[in-house]
Amino acid sequence: MAEVMGPQEKSAFRTAWNRLAKAVHQNAVKKGWHDRPREDGTVIALIHSELSEGLEALRRGNPPSKKIPEFSHLEEEYADVVIRIMDDAEAKGLDVGGAIEAKMAYNEGRGYRHGRKEF
């Protein structure tokens, strides 16, 4: 099976992810989203709410975003999910970029549909 990304691309991805996560977190701090500590469950619920908003966008035919009209509403909500994950991960010192690379490498070695016959 062909590797999805080579070593240089992985390094570039991880570096770019971490740089962007730092910028996302700095903006969230600047905008007051870290003035008070939030319970981990609340943060996860907020991430989940962005996914739910994406589902609602699809149910409405996935119109253009009202905030960034060059993108669909689903694209906006997916971006919100990633932004929230980046912010929380940076705040906690987590290496999600590295974890994405590691999980992709792990998944490359898994069988078709991970050995399951049905979804």
N, C-alpha and C. Protein backbone atom coordinates (compact mmCIF):
# COMPACT_ATOMS: atom_id res chain seq x y z
N MET A 1 0.85 -1.18 0.00
CA MET A 1 0.00 0.00 0.00
C MET A 1 0.89 1.24 0.00
N ALA A 2 0.57 2.20 -0.84
CA ALA A 2 1.35 3.43 -0.94
C ALA A 2 1.15 4.28 0.31
N GLU A 3 2.23 4.87 0.74
CA GLU A 3 2.17 5.75 1.90
C GLU A 3 1.47 7.05 1.51
N VAL A 4 0.59 7.55 2.37
CA VAL A 4 -0.18 8.75 2.08
C VAL A 4 0.73 9.97 2.02
N MET A 5 1.66 10.09 2.93
CA MET A 5 2.59 11.23 2.96
C MET A 5 3.99 10.71 3.23
N GLY A 6 4.96 11.33 2.57
CA GLY A 6 6.35 11.00 2.84
C GLY A 6 6.84 11.71 4.08
N PRO A 7 8.06 11.38 4.55
CA PRO A 7 8.60 11.96 5.77
C PRO A 7 8.67 13.49 5.75
N GLN A 8 9.05 14.08 4.62
CA GLN A 8 9.14 15.54 4.55
C GLN A 8 7.76 16.18 4.66
N GLU A 9 6.77 15.57 4.00
CA GLU A 9 5.41 16.10 4.07
C GLU A 9 4.85 15.99 5.48
N LYS A 10 5.16 14.89 6.15
CA LYS A 10 4.69 14.73 7.52
C LYS A 10 5.27 15.83 8.40
N SER A 11 6.54 16.08 8.24
CA SER A 11 7.18 17.11 9.04
C SER A 11 6.57 18.48 8.74
N ALA A 12 6.34 18.75 7.47
CA ALA A 12 5.74 20.03 7.08
C ALA A 12 4.32 20.14 7.61
N PHE A 13 3.57 19.05 7.54
CA PHE A 13 2.20 19.06 8.06
C PHE A 13 2.19 19.35 9.55
N ARG A 14 3.01 18.62 10.29
CA ARG A 14 3.05 18.78 11.75
C ARG A 14 3.47 20.19 12.13
N THR A 15 4.48 20.70 11.45
CA THR A 15 4.94 22.06 11.72
C THR A 15 3.84 23.08 11.42
N ALA A 16 3.19 22.92 10.27
CA ALA A 16 2.12 23.86 9.90
C ALA A 16 0.94 23.75 10.87
N TRP A 17 0.57 22.52 11.23
CA TRP A 17 -0.54 22.32 12.17
C TRP A 17 -0.23 23.03 13.49
N ASN A 18 0.96 22.78 14.02
CA ASN A 18 1.32 23.36 15.32
C ASN A 18 1.39 24.88 15.26
N ARG A 19 1.89 25.42 14.17
CA ARG A 19 1.96 26.87 14.01
C ARG A 19 0.54 27.46 13.96
N LEU A 20 -0.32 26.82 13.20
CA LEU A 20 -1.69 27.30 13.09
C LEU A 20 -2.44 27.14 14.42
N ALA A 21 -2.23 26.04 15.11
CA ALA A 21 -2.87 25.82 16.41
C ALA A 21 -2.46 26.91 17.40
N LYS A 22 -1.19 27.28 17.36
CA LYS A 22 -0.72 28.34 18.26
C LYS A 22 -1.42 29.66 17.93
N ALA A 23 -1.56 29.98 16.65
CA ALA A 23 -2.24 31.22 16.24
C ALA A 23 -3.72 31.19 16.63
N VAL A 24 -4.37 30.04 16.44
CA VAL A 24 -5.78 29.89 16.82
C VAL A 24 -5.93 30.12 18.31
N HIS A 25 -5.07 29.50 19.10
CA HIS A 25 -5.16 29.63 20.56
C HIS A 25 -4.88 31.07 21.00
N GLN A 26 -3.88 31.69 20.43
CA GLN A 26 -3.57 33.08 20.79
C GLN A 26 -4.76 34.00 20.50
N ASN A 27 -5.44 33.77 19.38
CA ASN A 27 -6.61 34.57 19.06
C ASN A 27 -7.74 34.31 20.05
N ALA A 28 -7.94 33.05 20.42
CA ALA A 28 -8.99 32.71 21.39
C ALA A 28 -8.71 33.36 22.74
N VAL A 29 -7.45 33.37 23.15
CA VAL A 29 -7.07 34.03 24.41
C VAL A 29 -7.35 35.53 24.30
N LYS A 30 -6.93 36.11 23.20
CA LYS A 30 -7.11 37.55 22.98
C LYS A 30 -8.60 37.93 22.99
N LYS A 31 -9.45 37.04 22.50
CA LYS A 31 -10.88 37.32 22.43
C LYS A 31 -11.62 36.94 23.71
N GLY A 32 -10.89 36.49 24.74
CA GLY A 32 -11.49 36.25 26.05
C GLY A 32 -12.02 34.86 26.30
N TRP A 33 -11.77 33.91 25.39
CA TRP A 33 -12.31 32.57 25.54
C TRP A 33 -11.56 31.73 26.58
N HIS A 34 -10.50 32.28 27.13
CA HIS A 34 -9.75 31.55 28.16
C HIS A 34 -9.63 32.35 29.45
N ASP A 35 -10.52 33.34 29.62
CA ASP A 35 -10.51 34.13 30.85
C ASP A 35 -10.88 33.28 32.07
N ARG A 36 -11.75 32.32 31.85
CA ARG A 36 -12.16 31.40 32.92
C ARG A 36 -11.93 29.98 32.43
N PRO A 37 -11.51 29.09 33.33
CA PRO A 37 -11.31 27.69 32.92
C PRO A 37 -12.64 27.05 32.53
N ARG A 38 -12.57 26.17 31.53
CA ARG A 38 -13.75 25.41 31.12
C ARG A 38 -13.50 23.94 31.39
N GLU A 39 -14.54 23.27 31.82
CA GLU A 39 -14.47 21.84 32.09
C GLU A 39 -14.29 21.11 30.76
N ASP A 40 -13.52 20.03 30.76
CA ASP A 40 -13.23 19.30 29.52
C ASP A 40 -14.49 18.86 28.80
N GLY A 41 -15.49 18.41 29.54
CA GLY A 41 -16.74 17.99 28.91
C GLY A 41 -17.42 19.12 28.16
N THR A 42 -17.32 20.32 28.68
CA THR A 42 -17.90 21.49 28.01
C THR A 42 -17.19 21.74 26.69
N VAL A 43 -15.88 21.65 26.69
CA VAL A 43 -15.11 21.86 25.47
C VAL A 43 -15.47 20.81 24.43
N ILE A 44 -15.57 19.57 24.83
CA ILE A 44 -15.94 18.50 23.90
C ILE A 44 -17.36 18.71 23.39
N ALA A 45 -18.26 19.15 24.25
CA ALA A 45 -19.64 19.43 23.81
C ALA A 45 -19.67 20.56 22.78
N LEU A 46 -18.82 21.56 22.97
CA LEU A 46 -18.76 22.66 21.99
C LEU A 46 -18.24 22.16 20.64
N ILE A 47 -17.28 21.26 20.66
CA ILE A 47 -16.78 20.67 19.41
C ILE A 47 -17.91 19.88 18.75
N HIS A 48 -18.60 19.10 19.56
CA HIS A 48 -19.72 18.31 19.04
C HIS A 48 -20.80 19.21 18.46
N SER A 49 -21.06 20.34 19.10
CA SER A 49 -22.11 21.24 18.61
C SER A 49 -21.79 21.76 17.20
N GLU A 50 -20.50 21.96 16.91
CA GLU A 50 -20.12 22.40 15.57
C GLU A 50 -20.43 21.31 14.55
N LEU A 51 -20.20 20.04 14.91
CA LEU A 51 -20.56 18.93 14.02
C LEU A 51 -22.07 18.86 13.81
N SER A 52 -22.82 19.09 14.87
CA SER A 52 -24.28 19.09 14.76
C SER A 52 -24.75 20.22 13.84
N GLU A 53 -24.10 21.36 13.92
CA GLU A 53 -24.43 22.46 13.01
C GLU A 53 -24.12 22.07 11.56
N GLY A 54 -23.07 21.30 11.36
CA GLY A 54 -22.75 20.80 10.01
C GLY A 54 -23.83 19.87 9.50
N LEU A 55 -24.34 19.00 10.36
CA LEU A 55 -25.42 18.11 9.99
C LEU A 55 -26.66 18.91 9.60
N GLU A 56 -26.98 19.92 10.37
CA GLU A 56 -28.13 20.78 10.05
C GLU A 56 -27.93 21.48 8.72
N ALA A 57 -26.70 21.89 8.43
CA ALA A 57 -26.41 22.53 7.14
C ALA A 57 -26.74 21.57 6.00
N LEU A 58 -26.33 20.31 6.15
CA LEU A 58 -26.63 19.31 5.12
C LEU A 58 -28.13 19.10 4.98
N ARG A 59 -28.82 19.09 6.09
CA ARG A 59 -30.28 18.90 6.04
C ARG A 59 -30.99 20.04 5.34
N ARG A 60 -30.34 21.22 5.32
CA ARG A 60 -30.89 22.39 4.64
C ARG A 60 -30.30 22.55 3.23
N GLY A 61 -29.65 21.51 2.73
CA GLY A 61 -29.11 21.57 1.38
C GLY A 61 -27.71 22.15 1.27
N ASN A 62 -27.04 22.36 2.38
CA ASN A 62 -25.68 22.88 2.45
C ASN A 62 -25.50 24.18 1.66
N PRO A 63 -26.22 25.22 2.06
CA PRO A 63 -26.10 26.50 1.36
C PRO A 63 -24.75 27.15 1.62
N PRO A 64 -24.44 28.21 0.91
CA PRO A 64 -23.21 28.95 1.21
C PRO A 64 -23.25 29.48 2.65
N SER A 65 -22.09 29.56 3.24
CA SER A 65 -21.98 30.12 4.58
C SER A 65 -22.38 31.59 4.55
N LYS A 66 -23.06 32.04 5.59
CA LYS A 66 -23.40 33.47 5.68
C LYS A 66 -22.20 34.29 6.11
N LYS A 67 -21.26 33.67 6.83
CA LYS A 67 -20.09 34.39 7.34
C LYS A 67 -18.94 34.39 6.35
N ILE A 68 -18.76 33.27 5.63
CA ILE A 68 -17.70 33.16 4.63
C ILE A 68 -18.33 32.56 3.36
N PRO A 69 -19.03 33.38 2.59
CA PRO A 69 -19.87 32.88 1.50
C PRO A 69 -19.13 32.17 0.36
N GLU A 70 -17.83 32.28 0.31
CA GLU A 70 -17.08 31.54 -0.70
C GLU A 70 -16.96 30.06 -0.35
N PHE A 71 -17.45 29.69 0.84
CA PHE A 71 -17.44 28.31 1.31
C PHE A 71 -18.86 27.88 1.67
N SER A 72 -19.10 26.59 1.66
CA SER A 72 -20.41 26.08 2.05
C SER A 72 -20.55 26.16 3.57
N HIS A 73 -21.79 26.03 4.01
CA HIS A 73 -22.04 26.05 5.45
C HIS A 73 -21.34 24.86 6.12
N LEU A 74 -21.34 23.68 5.46
CA LEU A 74 -20.65 22.52 6.03
C LEU A 74 -19.16 22.79 6.16
N GLU A 75 -18.56 23.39 5.14
CA GLU A 75 -17.13 23.71 5.23
C GLU A 75 -16.85 24.64 6.40
N GLU A 76 -17.71 25.61 6.63
CA GLU A 76 -17.55 26.52 7.76
C GLU A 76 -17.60 25.76 9.09
N GLU A 77 -18.57 24.85 9.21
CA GLU A 77 -18.71 24.11 10.47
C GLU A 77 -17.55 23.14 10.68
N TYR A 78 -17.08 22.50 9.61
CA TYR A 78 -15.89 21.65 9.74
C TYR A 78 -14.69 22.49 10.19
N ALA A 79 -14.57 23.68 9.64
CA ALA A 79 -13.48 24.58 10.06
C ALA A 79 -13.61 24.92 11.54
N ASP A 80 -14.84 25.18 11.99
CA ASP A 80 -15.06 25.48 13.42
C ASP A 80 -14.64 24.31 14.30
N VAL A 81 -14.91 23.07 13.85
CA VAL A 81 -14.51 21.89 14.61
C VAL A 81 -12.99 21.88 14.76
N VAL A 82 -12.29 22.05 13.65
CA VAL A 82 -10.82 22.01 13.68
C VAL A 82 -10.27 23.16 14.52
N ILE A 83 -10.85 24.33 14.40
CA ILE A 83 -10.40 25.49 15.18
C ILE A 83 -10.57 25.22 16.68
N ARG A 84 -11.70 24.67 17.07
CA ARG A 84 -11.92 24.37 18.49
C ARG A 84 -10.94 23.30 18.98
N ILE A 85 -10.69 22.29 18.14
CA ILE A 85 -9.73 21.24 18.52
C ILE A 85 -8.33 21.84 18.65
N MET A 86 -7.94 22.65 17.69
CA MET A 86 -6.61 23.28 17.74
C MET A 86 -6.46 24.13 19.00
N ASP A 87 -7.47 24.91 19.31
CA ASP A 87 -7.42 25.78 20.48
C ASP A 87 -7.25 24.96 21.76
N ASP A 88 -8.09 23.95 21.91
CA ASP A 88 -8.04 23.14 23.13
C ASP A 88 -6.72 22.37 23.22
N ALA A 89 -6.28 21.81 22.10
CA ALA A 89 -5.03 21.05 22.10
C ALA A 89 -3.85 21.93 22.45
N GLU A 90 -3.79 23.12 21.89
CA GLU A 90 -2.69 24.04 22.19
C GLU A 90 -2.74 24.45 23.66
N ALA A 91 -3.93 24.70 24.18
CA ALA A 91 -4.07 25.08 25.59
C ALA A 91 -3.58 23.96 26.52
N LYS A 92 -3.76 22.71 26.10
CA LYS A 92 -3.38 21.56 26.92
C LYS A 92 -1.99 21.03 26.57
N GLY A 93 -1.33 21.61 25.57
CA GLY A 93 -0.01 21.14 25.18
C GLY A 93 -0.04 19.79 24.48
N LEU A 94 -1.13 19.51 23.78
CA LEU A 94 -1.27 18.23 23.07
C LEU A 94 -0.71 18.35 21.65
N ASP A 95 -0.13 17.28 21.16
CA ASP A 95 0.44 17.23 19.82
C ASP A 95 -0.53 16.52 18.87
N VAL A 96 -1.62 17.17 18.53
CA VAL A 96 -2.63 16.57 17.67
C VAL A 96 -2.09 16.38 16.26
N GLY A 97 -1.27 17.31 15.78
CA GLY A 97 -0.66 17.14 14.46
C GLY A 97 0.15 15.86 14.38
N GLY A 98 0.95 15.59 15.39
CA GLY A 98 1.72 14.35 15.45
C GLY A 98 0.81 13.14 15.59
N ALA A 99 -0.26 13.28 16.36
CA ALA A 99 -1.19 12.17 16.53
C ALA A 99 -1.91 11.85 15.22
N ILE A 100 -2.22 12.88 14.43
CA ILE A 100 -2.85 12.65 13.13
C ILE A 100 -1.91 11.84 12.24
N GLU A 101 -0.64 12.24 12.20
CA GLU A 101 0.34 11.50 11.40
C GLU A 101 0.44 10.05 11.87
N ALA A 102 0.53 9.85 13.17
CA ALA A 102 0.67 8.50 13.71
C ALA A 102 -0.57 7.66 13.43
N LYS A 103 -1.73 8.25 13.57
CA LYS A 103 -2.98 7.51 13.32
C LYS A 103 -3.12 7.17 11.85
N MET A 104 -2.72 8.10 10.95
CA MET A 104 -2.76 7.80 9.52
C MET A 104 -1.83 6.64 9.19
N ALA A 105 -0.65 6.62 9.78
CA ALA A 105 0.30 5.53 9.54
C ALA A 105 -0.28 4.22 10.06
N TYR A 106 -0.88 4.25 11.22
CA TYR A 106 -1.52 3.05 11.78
C TYR A 106 -2.63 2.55 10.85
N ASN A 107 -3.47 3.48 10.38
CA ASN A 107 -4.60 3.11 9.52
C ASN A 107 -4.13 2.53 8.18
N GLU A 108 -2.96 2.96 7.71
CA GLU A 108 -2.44 2.42 6.45
C GLU A 108 -2.21 0.92 6.56
N GLY A 109 -1.90 0.43 7.73
CA GLY A 109 -1.63 -0.99 7.93
C GLY A 109 -2.87 -1.82 8.24
N ARG A 110 -4.00 -1.16 8.37
CA ARG A 110 -5.22 -1.90 8.70
C ARG A 110 -5.85 -2.50 7.44
N GLY A 111 -6.64 -3.53 7.62
CA GLY A 111 -7.31 -4.19 6.50
C GLY A 111 -8.44 -3.35 5.94
N TYR A 112 -8.96 -3.80 4.81
CA TYR A 112 -10.09 -3.15 4.17
C TYR A 112 -11.25 -3.05 5.15
N ARG A 113 -11.77 -1.85 5.32
CA ARG A 113 -12.82 -1.56 6.30
C ARG A 113 -12.47 -2.07 7.70
N HIS A 114 -11.18 -2.11 7.94
CA HIS A 114 -10.64 -2.54 9.23
C HIS A 114 -11.10 -3.94 9.60
N GLY A 115 -11.33 -4.78 8.56
CA GLY A 115 -11.72 -6.16 8.77
C GLY A 115 -13.20 -6.38 9.00
N ARG A 116 -13.99 -5.33 8.91
CA ARG A 116 -15.44 -5.46 9.13
C ARG A 116 -16.15 -5.65 7.80
N LYS A 117 -17.19 -6.43 7.82
CA LYS A 117 -17.95 -6.67 6.58
C LYS A 117 -18.97 -5.57 6.33
N GLU A 118 -19.48 -4.97 7.40
CA GLU A 118 -20.50 -3.94 7.26
C GLU A 118 -20.10 -2.72 8.08
N PHE A 119 -20.78 -1.65 7.82
CA PHE A 119 -20.49 -0.41 8.55
C PHE A 119 -21.06 -0.46 9.92
